Amino acid sequence: MVKQILEFEKPIVNLKEKIAELKKFTQDSDIDLTDEIMTLETRLEVLENDIYGNLKPWDRVQMARHSVRPTTLDYIERLFTDFIEFHGDRRFGDDKAIVSGVAYYKGKPVTVIGHQRGKDTKENIQRNFGMPHPEGYRKALRHMEQAEKFKRPIITFIDTKGAYPGKAAEERGQSEAIARNLVEMAGYKVPIVCIVIGEGGSGGALALGVGDHIHMLENSTYSVISPEGAASILWKDAGLAKKAAESMKITAYDLKGLHVVDQVIPEPKGGAHQNIEKQSQSIDYVLEQSLIELCEYSSEELLEKRWVKYKRIGDYKLL
């Protein structure tokens, strides 16, 4: 697989290649370039801190879309034990764009649901590029209802460009399936923790995003529409997506300020794909704290706090 290099990362990659060349040259000859290598490594550290410490919204969009960014199954493998995946919505079929099942977290049973995209062309076709059909959302709903019945906390991982907009999906009730999930999740009496791990696009993301706590990875995005879609509507030019991303407030830090997100989960330098073990540990810490807090509340307290949470999002005026 060809390694994906984002535009803003090219100066870092070029400098790393130069350091690697000097190290190889030193090994293959009698010339000592240790001082030069140390100077370049110091410069590399400064450059990485400068670039990764000052990412623009469009840079974070690119990071969220990175081809090797960790997926739901990557995190399930590292955060949970004895995961059993269930399939099908018992109405039409199984949608591989959503994975759902039961597992243990810190020794306690939980229900885990998330969007799942592929890591290569073949898998992306199988997973429909992480864009669910209505049967995917109905599968998720079936397992959330099961979690409610057996009083298991629900944990969702959000990573989708949006629900699949095809004709067949609409014929099978795409809009109804999403709306049903929103209504039901709002009323469940078990703790719900939602984590945006990549792209959180439109209703396709929101159908798994009505929770008591919503967390976002530092370089993930969460929005009603993609920057390209917004640019096409606002300025009739999808090429202005970078401009749209800056005005849409779709990054984790923007959404934290708007009270949409409860906590921003830091990523390793260069993004989650650079060190998935470290990223999993960061998610683990936040997830554990959320469940400890939420499991202390009674069902009535959970519903009340959930109502207050969504009521305070956004501004409005009564006319």
C-alpha atoms as a PDB file:
ATOM      1  CA  MET A   1       0.000   0.000   0.000  1.00  0.00           C
ATOM      2  CA  VAL A   2       1.321   3.439  -0.952  1.00  0.00           C
ATOM      3  CA  LYS A   3       1.815   5.573   2.120  1.00  0.00           C
ATOM      4  CA  GLN A   4      -0.505   8.579   2.142  1.00  0.00           C
ATOM      5  CA  ILE A   5       1.286  11.884   2.701  1.00  0.00           C
ATOM      6  CA  LEU A   6      -0.884  14.899   3.380  1.00  0.00           C
ATOM      7  CA  GLU A   7       0.063  18.204   1.772  1.00  0.00           C
ATOM      8  CA  PHE A   8       0.970  19.969   5.012  1.00  0.00           C
ATOM      9  CA  GLU A   9       3.140  17.014   6.077  1.00  0.00           C
ATOM     10  CA  LYS A  10       5.485  17.155   3.083  1.00  0.00           C
ATOM     11  CA  PRO A  11       8.147  19.375   4.761  1.00  0.00           C
ATOM     12  CA  ILE A  12       8.286  16.889   7.656  1.00  0.00           C
ATOM     13  CA  VAL A  13       8.549  13.880   5.329  1.00  0.00           C
ATOM     14  CA  ASN A  14      11.272  15.548   3.239  1.00  0.00           C
ATOM     15  CA  LEU A  15      13.337  16.296   6.329  1.00  0.00           C
ATOM     16  CA  LYS A  16      12.897  12.736   7.632  1.00  0.00           C
ATOM     17  CA  GLU A  17      14.102  11.385   4.302  1.00  0.00           C
ATOM     18  CA  LYS A  18      17.153  13.646   4.443  1.00  0.00           C
ATOM     19  CA  ILE A  19      17.993  12.388   7.951  1.00  0.00           C
ATOM     20  CA  ALA A  20      17.586   8.791   6.817  1.00  0.00           C
ATOM     21  CA  GLU A  21      19.927   9.405   3.867  1.00  0.00           C
ATOM     22  CA  LEU A  22      22.622  10.869   6.113  1.00  0.00           C
ATOM     23  CA  LYS A  23      22.336   7.962   8.547  1.00  0.00           C
ATOM     24  CA  LYS A  24      22.692   5.454   5.725  1.00  0.00           C
ATOM     25  CA  PHE A  25      25.632   7.371   4.284  1.00  0.00           C
ATOM     26  CA  THR A  26      27.330   7.349   7.700  1.00  0.00           C
ATOM     27  CA  GLN A  27      26.842   3.587   8.009  1.00  0.00           C
ATOM     28  CA  ASP A  28      28.183   2.910   4.502  1.00  0.00           C
ATOM     29  CA  SER A  29      31.270   5.126   4.776  1.00  0.00           C
ATOM     30  CA  ASP A  30      33.943   6.278   7.197  1.00  0.00           C
ATOM     31  CA  ILE A  31      32.599   9.840   7.317  1.00  0.00           C
ATOM     32  CA  ASP A  32      31.048  10.833  10.651  1.00  0.00           C
ATOM     33  CA  LEU A  33      27.960  13.011  10.164  1.00  0.00           C
ATOM     34  CA  THR A  34      26.629  12.659  13.718  1.00  0.00           C
ATOM     35  CA  ASP A  35      26.600  16.394  14.409  1.00  0.00           C
ATOM     36  CA  GLU A  36      24.754  17.164  11.170  1.00  0.00           C
ATOM     37  CA  ILE A  37      22.197  14.444  11.909  1.00  0.00           C
ATOM     38  CA  MET A  38      21.603  15.752  15.431  1.00  0.00           C
ATOM     39  CA  THR A  39      21.093  19.263  14.064  1.00  0.00           C
ATOM     40  CA  LEU A  40      18.528  18.024  11.557  1.00  0.00           C
ATOM     41  CA  GLU A  41      16.731  15.939  14.195  1.00  0.00           C
ATOM     42  CA  THR A  42      16.436  19.012  16.402  1.00  0.00           C
ATOM     43  CA  ARG A  43      15.082  20.960  13.444  1.00  0.00           C
ATOM     44  CA  LEU A  44      12.627  18.098  12.745  1.00  0.00           C
ATOM     45  CA  GLU A  45      11.255  18.224  16.282  1.00  0.00           C
ATOM     46  CA  VAL A  46      10.706  21.974  16.026  1.00  0.00           C
ATOM     47  CA  LEU A  47       9.063  21.581  12.611  1.00  0.00           C
ATOM     48  CA  GLU A  48       6.711  18.823  13.827  1.00  0.00           C
ATOM     49  CA  ASN A  49       5.682  20.872  16.851  1.00  0.00           C
ATOM     50  CA  ASP A  50       5.046  23.882  14.645  1.00  0.00           C
ATOM     51  CA  ILE A  51       3.003  22.037  11.997  1.00  0.00           C
ATOM     52  CA  TYR A  52       1.061  19.588  14.159  1.00  0.00           C
ATOM     53  CA  GLY A  53       0.553  22.168  16.878  1.00  0.00           C
ATOM     54  CA  ASN A  54      -1.092  24.650  14.501  1.00  0.00           C
ATOM     55  CA  LEU A  55      -3.332  22.537  12.285  1.00  0.00           C
ATOM     56  CA  LYS A  56      -6.034  24.394  10.349  1.00  0.00           C
ATOM     57  CA  PRO A  57      -9.604  23.020  10.107  1.00  0.00           C
ATOM     58  CA  TRP A  58      -8.954  21.689   6.595  1.00  0.00           C
ATOM     59  CA  ASP A  59      -5.804  19.938   7.824  1.00  0.00           C
ATOM     60  CA  ARG A  60      -7.896  18.167  10.474  1.00  0.00           C
ATOM     61  CA  VAL A  61     -10.455  17.171   7.829  1.00  0.00           C
ATOM     62  CA  GLN A  62      -7.645  15.503   5.903  1.00  0.00           C
ATOM     63  CA  MET A  63      -6.404  13.775   9.049  1.00  0.00           C
ATOM     64  CA  ALA A  64      -9.922  12.502   9.805  1.00  0.00           C
ATOM     65  CA  ARG A  65     -10.064  11.024   6.294  1.00  0.00           C
ATOM     66  CA  HIS A  66      -6.600   9.463   6.366  1.00  0.00           C
ATOM     67  CA  SER A  67      -6.610   6.100   4.615  1.00  0.00           C
ATOM     68  CA  VAL A  68      -4.952   4.247   7.509  1.00  0.00           C
ATOM     69  CA  ARG A  69      -6.694   6.037  10.359  1.00  0.00           C
ATOM     70  CA  PRO A  70      -7.753   3.465  12.992  1.00  0.00           C
ATOM     71  CA  THR A  71     -11.306   2.167  12.670  1.00  0.00           C
ATOM     72  CA  THR A  72     -13.959   0.937  15.085  1.00  0.00           C
ATOM     73  CA  LEU A  73     -12.707  -2.663  14.928  1.00  0.00           C
ATOM     74  CA  ASP A  74      -9.154  -1.507  15.678  1.00  0.00           C
ATOM     75  CA  TYR A  75     -10.337   0.104  18.910  1.00  0.00           C
ATOM     76  CA  ILE A  76     -12.675  -2.751  19.826  1.00  0.00           C
ATOM     77  CA  GLU A  77      -9.714  -5.129  19.631  1.00  0.00           C
ATOM     78  CA  ARG A  78      -7.693  -3.002  22.053  1.00  0.00           C
ATOM     79  CA  LEU A  79     -10.334  -1.692  24.453  1.00  0.00           C
ATOM     80  CA  PHE A  80     -12.678  -4.630  25.001  1.00  0.00           C
ATOM     81  CA  THR A  81     -12.517  -8.336  25.703  1.00  0.00           C
ATOM     82  CA  ASP A  82     -14.653 -11.223  24.452  1.00  0.00           C
ATOM     83  CA  PHE A  83     -16.316  -9.134  21.741  1.00  0.00           C
ATOM     84  CA  ILE A  84     -19.071 -11.019  19.913  1.00  0.00           C
ATOM     85  CA  GLU A  85     -20.337  -9.375  16.736  1.00  0.00           C
ATOM     86  CA  PHE A  86     -23.993  -9.801  15.748  1.00  0.00           C
ATOM     87  CA  HIS A  87     -25.298  -9.482  12.222  1.00  0.00           C
ATOM     88  CA  GLY A  88     -28.484  -8.472  10.464  1.00  0.00           C
ATOM     89  CA  ASP A  89     -31.539  -6.361  11.248  1.00  0.00           C
ATOM     90  CA  ARG A  90     -34.018  -9.290  11.018  1.00  0.00           C
ATOM     91  CA  ARG A  91     -35.858  -7.388   8.284  1.00  0.00           C
ATOM     92  CA  PHE A  92     -33.657  -7.126   5.195  1.00  0.00           C
ATOM     93  CA  GLY A  93     -30.035  -8.157   5.699  1.00  0.00           C
ATOM     94  CA  ASP A  94     -26.684  -7.357   7.236  1.00  0.00           C
ATOM     95  CA  ASP A  95     -24.958  -4.029   6.625  1.00  0.00           C
ATOM     96  CA  LYS A  96     -21.181  -4.333   7.018  1.00  0.00           C
ATOM     97  CA  ALA A  97     -20.850  -0.541   7.287  1.00  0.00           C
ATOM     98  CA  ILE A  98     -21.924  -0.906  10.921  1.00  0.00           C
ATOM     99  CA  VAL A  99     -20.502  -3.398  13.411  1.00  0.00           C
ATOM    100  CA  SER A 100     -22.452  -4.211  16.541  1.00  0.00           C
ATOM    101  CA  GLY A 101     -22.104  -6.634  19.388  1.00  0.00           C
ATOM    102  CA  VAL A 102     -21.509  -7.271  23.073  1.00  0.00           C
ATOM    103  CA  ALA A 103     -18.227  -7.288  24.956  1.00  0.00           C
ATOM    104  CA  TYR A 104     -16.667  -6.779  28.347  1.00  0.00           C
ATOM    105  CA  TYR A 105     -15.100  -3.484  29.370  1.00  0.00           C
ATOM    106  CA  LYS A 106     -13.087  -3.619  32.592  1.00  0.00           C
ATOM    107  CA  GLY A 107     -14.943  -6.816  33.410  1.00  0.00           C
ATOM    108  CA  LYS A 108     -18.429  -5.390  32.901  1.00  0.00           C
ATOM    109  CA  PRO A 109     -20.763  -6.225  29.971  1.00  0.00           C
ATOM    110  CA  VAL A 110     -21.397  -3.460  27.425  1.00  0.00           C
ATOM    111  CA  THR A 111     -22.923  -3.096  23.977  1.00  0.00           C
ATOM    112  CA  VAL A 112     -20.525  -1.710  21.354  1.00  0.00           C
ATOM    113  CA  ILE A 113     -21.688  -0.236  18.038  1.00  0.00           C
ATOM    114  CA  GLY A 114     -19.767   1.684  15.402  1.00  0.00           C
ATOM    115  CA  HIS A 115     -19.357   2.680  11.794  1.00  0.00           C
ATOM    116  CA  GLN A 116     -16.783   0.591   9.966  1.00  0.00           C
ATOM    117  CA  ARG A 117     -14.978   1.598   6.788  1.00  0.00           C
ATOM    118  CA  GLY A 118     -12.379  -0.426   4.915  1.00  0.00           C
ATOM    119  CA  LYS A 119      -8.621  -0.036   4.731  1.00  0.00           C
ATOM    120  CA  ASP A 120      -8.255  -0.927   1.068  1.00  0.00           C
ATOM    121  CA  THR A 121     -10.416  -0.846  -2.043  1.00  0.00           C
ATOM    122  CA  LYS A 122     -11.774  -4.387  -1.635  1.00  0.00           C
ATOM    123  CA  GLU A 123     -12.751  -3.887   2.005  1.00  0.00           C
ATOM    124  CA  ASN A 124     -14.186  -0.435   1.335  1.00  0.00           C
ATOM    125  CA  ILE A 125     -16.485  -1.939  -1.269  1.00  0.00           C
ATOM    126  CA  GLN A 126     -17.583  -4.593   1.230  1.00  0.00           C
ATOM    127  CA  ARG A 127     -18.127  -1.931   3.906  1.00  0.00           C
ATOM    128  CA  ASN A 128     -19.705   0.516   1.447  1.00  0.00           C
ATOM    129  CA  PHE A 129     -16.988   3.021   2.403  1.00  0.00           C
ATOM    130  CA  GLY A 130     -18.491   3.251   5.893  1.00  0.00           C
ATOM    131  CA  MET A 131     -21.799   4.681   4.646  1.00  0.00           C
ATOM    132  CA  PRO A 132     -24.646   2.658   6.189  1.00  0.00           C
ATOM    133  CA  HIS A 133     -27.907   1.571   4.597  1.00  0.00           C
ATOM    134  CA  PRO A 134     -31.107   1.603   6.692  1.00  0.00           C
ATOM    135  CA  GLU A 135     -30.583  -2.023   7.700  1.00  0.00           C
ATOM    136  CA  GLY A 136     -27.330  -0.929   9.350  1.00  0.00           C
ATOM    137  CA  TYR A 137     -29.144   1.563  11.552  1.00  0.00           C
ATOM    138  CA  ARG A 138     -31.868  -0.972  12.305  1.00  0.00           C
ATOM    139  CA  LYS A 139     -29.200  -3.491  13.293  1.00  0.00           C
ATOM    140  CA  ALA A 140     -27.749  -0.886  15.646  1.00  0.00           C
ATOM    141  CA  LEU A 141     -31.216  -0.147  17.038  1.00  0.00           C
ATOM    142  CA  ARG A 142     -31.903  -3.837  17.650  1.00  0.00           C
ATOM    143  CA  HIS A 143     -28.790  -4.130  19.760  1.00  0.00           C
ATOM    144  CA  MET A 144     -29.428  -0.878  21.608  1.00  0.00           C
ATOM    145  CA  GLU A 145     -32.872  -2.206  22.540  1.00  0.00           C
ATOM    146  CA  GLN A 146     -31.184  -5.364  23.778  1.00  0.00           C
ATOM    147  CA  ALA A 147     -28.776  -3.252  25.852  1.00  0.00           C
ATOM    148  CA  GLU A 148     -31.730  -1.390  27.365  1.00  0.00           C
ATOM    149  CA  LYS A 149     -33.436  -4.672  28.223  1.00  0.00           C
ATOM    150  CA  PHE A 150     -30.369  -6.119  29.972  1.00  0.00           C
ATOM    151  CA  LYS A 151     -29.218  -2.779  31.417  1.00  0.00           C
ATOM    152  CA  ARG A 152     -25.880  -2.682  29.598  1.00  0.00           C
ATOM    153  CA  PRO A 153     -24.141   0.656  28.863  1.00  0.00           C
ATOM    154  CA  ILE A 154     -23.980   1.538  25.162  1.00  0.00           C
ATOM    155  CA  ILE A 155     -20.724   2.704  23.565  1.00  0.00           C
ATOM    156  CA  THR A 156     -20.721   3.987  19.992  1.00  0.00           C
ATOM    157  CA  PHE A 157     -17.858   4.859  17.650  1.00  0.00           C
ATOM    158  CA  ILE A 158     -18.706   7.394  14.954  1.00  0.00           C
ATOM    159  CA  ASP A 159     -16.792   7.408  11.669  1.00  0.00           C
ATOM    160  CA  THR A 160     -18.781   7.991   8.481  1.00  0.00           C
ATOM    161  CA  LYS A 161     -19.089  10.492   5.661  1.00  0.00           C
ATOM    162  CA  GLY A 162     -22.841  10.062   6.052  1.00  0.00           C
ATOM    163  CA  ALA A 163     -25.660   7.627   5.420  1.00  0.00           C
ATOM    164  CA  TYR A 164     -25.680   6.057   1.957  1.00  0.00           C
ATOM    165  CA  PRO A 165     -27.852   8.275  -0.302  1.00  0.00           C
ATOM    166  CA  GLY A 166     -28.687   5.685  -2.973  1.00  0.00           C
ATOM    167  CA  LYS A 167     -32.136   4.987  -4.384  1.00  0.00           C
ATOM    168  CA  ALA A 168     -32.405   1.521  -2.817  1.00  0.00           C
ATOM    169  CA  ALA A 169     -31.526   2.907   0.619  1.00  0.00           C
ATOM    170  CA  GLU A 170     -34.240   5.550   0.311  1.00  0.00           C
ATOM    171  CA  GLU A 171     -36.756   2.935  -0.817  1.00  0.00           C
ATOM    172  CA  ARG A 172     -36.010   0.879   2.295  1.00  0.00           C
ATOM    173  CA  GLY A 173     -36.576   3.865   4.589  1.00  0.00           C
ATOM    174  CA  GLN A 174     -33.219   5.533   5.184  1.00  0.00           C
ATOM    175  CA  SER A 175     -34.683   8.692   6.718  1.00  0.00           C
ATOM    176  CA  GLU A 176     -37.098   6.768   8.922  1.00  0.00           C
ATOM    177  CA  ALA A 177     -34.327   4.497  10.195  1.00  0.00           C
ATOM    178  CA  ILE A 178     -32.155   7.452  11.201  1.00  0.00           C
ATOM    179  CA  ALA A 179     -35.063   9.326  12.801  1.00  0.00           C
ATOM    180  CA  ARG A 180     -36.104   6.243  14.752  1.00  0.00           C
ATOM    181  CA  ASN A 181     -32.605   5.898  16.200  1.00  0.00           C
ATOM    182  CA  LEU A 182     -32.613   9.541  17.309  1.00  0.00           C
ATOM    183  CA  VAL A 183     -35.939   9.158  19.093  1.00  0.00           C
ATOM    184  CA  GLU A 184     -35.085   5.874  20.784  1.00  0.00           C
ATOM    185  CA  MET A 185     -31.570   6.861  21.893  1.00  0.00           C
ATOM    186  CA  ALA A 186     -32.956   9.984  23.521  1.00  0.00           C
ATOM    187  CA  GLY A 187     -35.113   7.855  25.796  1.00  0.00           C
ATOM    188  CA  TYR A 188     -32.903   4.921  26.793  1.00  0.00           C
ATOM    189  CA  LYS A 189     -32.359   4.553  30.522  1.00  0.00           C
ATOM    190  CA  VAL A 190     -28.824   3.171  30.266  1.00  0.00           C
ATOM    191  CA  PRO A 191     -25.603   5.219  29.928  1.00  0.00           C
ATOM    192  CA  ILE A 192     -24.630   6.076  26.348  1.00  0.00           C
ATOM    193  CA  VAL A 193     -21.099   7.208  25.472  1.00  0.00           C
ATOM    194  CA  CYS A 194     -20.387   8.325  21.906  1.00  0.00           C
ATOM    195  CA  ILE A 195     -16.865   8.801  20.513  1.00  0.00           C
ATOM    196  CA  VAL A 196     -16.162  10.444  17.144  1.00  0.00           C
ATOM    197  CA  ILE A 197     -13.003   8.741  15.861  1.00  0.00           C
ATOM    198  CA  GLY A 198     -12.886  10.055  12.283  1.00  0.00           C
ATOM    199  CA  GLU A 199     -15.480  11.819  10.174  1.00  0.00           C
ATOM    200  CA  GLY A 200     -18.864  12.463  11.743  1.00  0.00           C
ATOM    201  CA  GLY A 201     -21.027  13.330   8.764  1.00  0.00           C
ATOM    202  CA  SER A 202     -24.660  14.463   8.820  1.00  0.00           C
ATOM    203  CA  GLY A 203     -27.544  12.269   9.987  1.00  0.00           C
ATOM    204  CA  GLY A 204     -25.497   9.196   9.207  1.00  0.00           C
ATOM    205  CA  ALA A 205     -23.301  10.058  12.172  1.00  0.00           C
ATOM    206  CA  LEU A 206     -26.036  11.488  14.369  1.00  0.00           C
ATOM    207  CA  ALA A 207     -27.952   8.193  14.221  1.00  0.00           C
ATOM    208  CA  LEU A 208     -25.304   6.787  16.577  1.00  0.00           C
ATOM    209  CA  GLY A 209     -24.575  10.087  18.303  1.00  0.00           C
ATOM    210  CA  VAL A 210     -27.340  10.802  20.814  1.00  0.00           C
ATOM    211  CA  GLY A 211     -25.551  10.092  24.069  1.00  0.00           C
ATOM    212  CA  ASP A 212     -24.969  11.254  27.600  1.00  0.00           C
ATOM    213  CA  HIS A 213     -21.338  12.011  26.839  1.00  0.00           C
ATOM    214  CA  ILE A 214     -19.960  12.798  23.383  1.00  0.00           C
ATOM    215  CA  HIS A 215     -16.191  12.785  22.951  1.00  0.00           C
ATOM    216  CA  MET A 216     -14.087  13.526  19.883  1.00  0.00           C
ATOM    217  CA  LEU A 217     -10.580  12.621  18.881  1.00  0.00           C
ATOM    218  CA  GLU A 218      -8.488  15.742  18.403  1.00  0.00           C
ATOM    219  CA  ASN A 219      -8.292  15.414  14.617  1.00  0.00           C
ATOM    220  CA  SER A 220     -11.811  14.193  13.937  1.00  0.00           C
ATOM    221  CA  THR A 221     -14.700  16.233  12.529  1.00  0.00           C
ATOM    222  CA  TYR A 222     -18.437  16.382  13.217  1.00  0.00           C
ATOM    223  CA  SER A 223     -20.769  18.318  10.934  1.00  0.00           C
ATOM    224  CA  VAL A 224     -24.159  18.461   9.261  1.00  0.00           C
ATOM    225  CA  ILE A 225     -22.539  18.387   5.813  1.00  0.00           C
ATOM    226  CA  SER A 226     -19.095  17.907   4.298  1.00  0.00           C
ATOM    227  CA  PRO A 227     -16.983  21.004   3.537  1.00  0.00           C
ATOM    228  CA  GLU A 228     -17.267  20.164  -0.166  1.00  0.00           C
ATOM    229  CA  GLY A 229     -21.061  19.982   0.083  1.00  0.00           C
ATOM    230  CA  ALA A 230     -21.278  23.223   2.022  1.00  0.00           C
ATOM    231  CA  ALA A 231     -19.025  24.996  -0.504  1.00  0.00           C
ATOM    232  CA  SER A 232     -21.168  23.741  -3.384  1.00  0.00           C
ATOM    233  CA  ILE A 233     -24.305  25.144  -1.746  1.00  0.00           C
ATOM    234  CA  LEU A 234     -22.865  28.420  -0.484  1.00  0.00           C
ATOM    235  CA  TRP A 235     -20.535  29.372  -3.323  1.00  0.00           C
ATOM    236  CA  LYS A 236     -21.433  26.920  -6.118  1.00  0.00           C
ATOM    237  CA  ASP A 237     -17.842  25.653  -6.016  1.00  0.00           C
ATOM    238  CA  ALA A 238     -16.741  22.484  -4.205  1.00  0.00           C
ATOM    239  CA  GLY A 239     -13.166  23.665  -4.662  1.00  0.00           C
ATOM    240  CA  LEU A 240     -13.736  26.144  -1.836  1.00  0.00           C
ATOM    241  CA  ALA A 241     -14.029  23.311   0.692  1.00  0.00           C
ATOM    242  CA  LYS A 242     -11.034  24.638   2.640  1.00  0.00           C
ATOM    243  CA  LYS A 243     -12.798  27.975   3.132  1.00  0.00           C
ATOM    244  CA  ALA A 244     -15.990  26.196   4.153  1.00  0.00           C
ATOM    245  CA  ALA A 245     -14.168  24.028   6.708  1.00  0.00           C
ATOM    246  CA  GLU A 246     -12.839  27.147   8.429  1.00  0.00           C
ATOM    247  CA  SER A 247     -16.284  28.712   8.764  1.00  0.00           C
ATOM    248  CA  MET A 248     -18.321  25.616   9.677  1.00  0.00           C
ATOM    249  CA  LYS A 249     -16.861  25.031  13.165  1.00  0.00           C
ATOM    250  CA  ILE A 250     -16.513  21.284  12.605  1.00  0.00           C
ATOM    251  CA  THR A 251     -13.350  20.556  14.606  1.00  0.00           C
ATOM    252  CA  ALA A 252     -13.251  19.029  18.070  1.00  0.00           C
ATOM    253  CA  TYR A 253     -12.098  22.207  19.779  1.00  0.00           C
ATOM    254  CA  ASP A 254     -14.765  24.328  18.073  1.00  0.00           C
ATOM    255  CA  LEU A 255     -17.486  21.882  19.067  1.00  0.00           C
ATOM    256  CA  LYS A 256     -16.204  21.685  22.619  1.00  0.00           C
ATOM    257  CA  GLY A 257     -16.651  25.457  22.811  1.00  0.00           C
ATOM    258  CA  LEU A 258     -20.207  25.132  21.489  1.00  0.00           C
ATOM    259  CA  HIS A 259     -21.053  22.488  24.148  1.00  0.00           C
ATOM    260  CA  VAL A 260     -21.689  19.837  21.496  1.00  0.00           C
ATOM    261  CA  VAL A 261     -18.702  17.798  22.676  1.00  0.00           C
ATOM    262  CA  ASP A 262     -17.895  16.954  26.287  1.00  0.00           C
ATOM    263  CA  GLN A 263     -14.205  16.195  25.928  1.00  0.00           C
ATOM    264  CA  VAL A 264     -11.492  16.354  23.274  1.00  0.00           C
ATOM    265  CA  ILE A 265      -9.288  13.248  23.289  1.00  0.00           C
ATOM    266  CA  PRO A 266      -5.669  14.086  22.365  1.00  0.00           C
ATOM    267  CA  GLU A 267      -3.943  12.260  19.524  1.00  0.00           C
ATOM    268  CA  PRO A 268      -0.291  11.271  19.126  1.00  0.00           C
ATOM    269  CA  LYS A 269       1.837  13.699  17.142  1.00  0.00           C
ATOM    270  CA  GLY A 270       0.942  13.183  13.493  1.00  0.00           C
ATOM    271  CA  GLY A 271      -2.466  11.625  14.144  1.00  0.00           C
ATOM    272  CA  ALA A 272      -4.045   8.491  15.606  1.00  0.00           C
ATOM    273  CA  HIS A 273      -2.569   6.291  12.879  1.00  0.00           C
ATOM    274  CA  GLN A 274       0.968   7.047  14.071  1.00  0.00           C
ATOM    275  CA  ASN A 275       0.499   5.168  17.351  1.00  0.00           C
ATOM    276  CA  ILE A 276      -2.749   3.260  17.701  1.00  0.00           C
ATOM    277  CA  GLU A 277      -1.738   1.751  21.054  1.00  0.00           C
ATOM    278  CA  LYS A 278      -1.200   5.188  22.595  1.00  0.00           C
ATOM    279  CA  GLN A 279      -4.425   6.441  21.023  1.00  0.00           C
ATOM    280  CA  SER A 280      -6.353   3.510  22.454  1.00  0.00           C
ATOM    281  CA  GLN A 281      -4.982   4.300  25.903  1.00  0.00           C
ATOM    282  CA  SER A 282      -6.187   7.908  25.606  1.00  0.00           C
ATOM    283  CA  ILE A 283      -9.663   6.727  24.610  1.00  0.00           C
ATOM    284  CA  ASP A 284      -9.629   4.138  27.383  1.00  0.00           C
ATOM    285  CA  TYR A 285      -8.983   6.776  30.042  1.00  0.00           C
ATOM    286  CA  VAL A 286     -11.818   9.058  28.901  1.00  0.00           C
ATOM    287  CA  LEU A 287     -14.235   6.176  28.364  1.00  0.00           C
ATOM    288  CA  GLU A 288     -13.596   4.751  31.813  1.00  0.00           C
ATOM    289  CA  GLN A 289     -14.141   8.129  33.473  1.00  0.00           C
ATOM    290  CA  SER A 290     -17.404   8.622  31.579  1.00  0.00           C
ATOM    291  CA  LEU A 291     -18.809   5.242  32.573  1.00  0.00           C
ATOM    292  CA  ILE A 292     -17.785   5.674  36.205  1.00  0.00           C
ATOM    293  CA  GLU A 293     -19.672   8.974  36.304  1.00  0.00           C
ATOM    294  CA  LEU A 294     -22.745   7.898  34.332  1.00  0.00           C
ATOM    295  CA  CYS A 295     -23.238   4.593  36.130  1.00  0.00           C
ATOM    296  CA  GLU A 296     -23.670   6.525  39.389  1.00  0.00           C
ATOM    297  CA  TYR A 297     -26.888   8.113  38.135  1.00  0.00           C
ATOM    298  CA  SER A 298     -30.352   6.613  38.387  1.00  0.00           C
ATOM    299  CA  SER A 299     -32.393   6.152  35.210  1.00  0.00           C
ATOM    300  CA  GLU A 300     -34.384   9.272  35.954  1.00  0.00           C
ATOM    301  CA  GLU A 301     -31.222  11.313  36.530  1.00  0.00           C
ATOM    302  CA  LEU A 302     -29.728  10.070  33.265  1.00  0.00           C
ATOM    303  CA  LEU A 303     -32.783  11.162  31.276  1.00  0.00           C
ATOM    304  CA  GLU A 304     -32.900  14.549  32.988  1.00  0.00           C
ATOM    305  CA  LYS A 305     -29.211  15.255  32.413  1.00  0.00           C
ATOM    306  CA  ARG A 306     -29.480  14.106  28.791  1.00  0.00           C
ATOM    307  CA  TRP A 307     -32.385  16.500  28.254  1.00  0.00           C
ATOM    308  CA  VAL A 308     -30.458  19.384  29.788  1.00  0.00           C
ATOM    309  CA  LYS A 309     -27.373  18.547  27.715  1.00  0.00           C
ATOM    310  CA  TYR A 310     -29.157  18.834  24.386  1.00  0.00           C
ATOM    311  CA  LYS A 311     -31.261  21.760  25.474  1.00  0.00           C
ATOM    312  CA  ARG A 312     -28.164  23.906  26.059  1.00  0.00           C
ATOM    313  CA  ILE A 313     -26.655  23.234  22.618  1.00  0.00           C
ATOM    314  CA  GLY A 314     -26.995  26.202  20.274  1.00  0.00           C
ATOM    315  CA  ASP A 315     -28.585  29.623  20.594  1.00  0.00           C
ATOM    316  CA  TYR A 316     -32.109  30.669  19.781  1.00  0.00           C
ATOM    317  CA  LYS A 317     -34.466  33.572  20.321  1.00  0.00           C
ATOM    318  CA  LEU A 318     -38.188  33.529  20.937  1.00  0.00           C
ATOM    319  CA  LEU A 319     -40.026  35.885  18.576  1.00  0.00           C
END
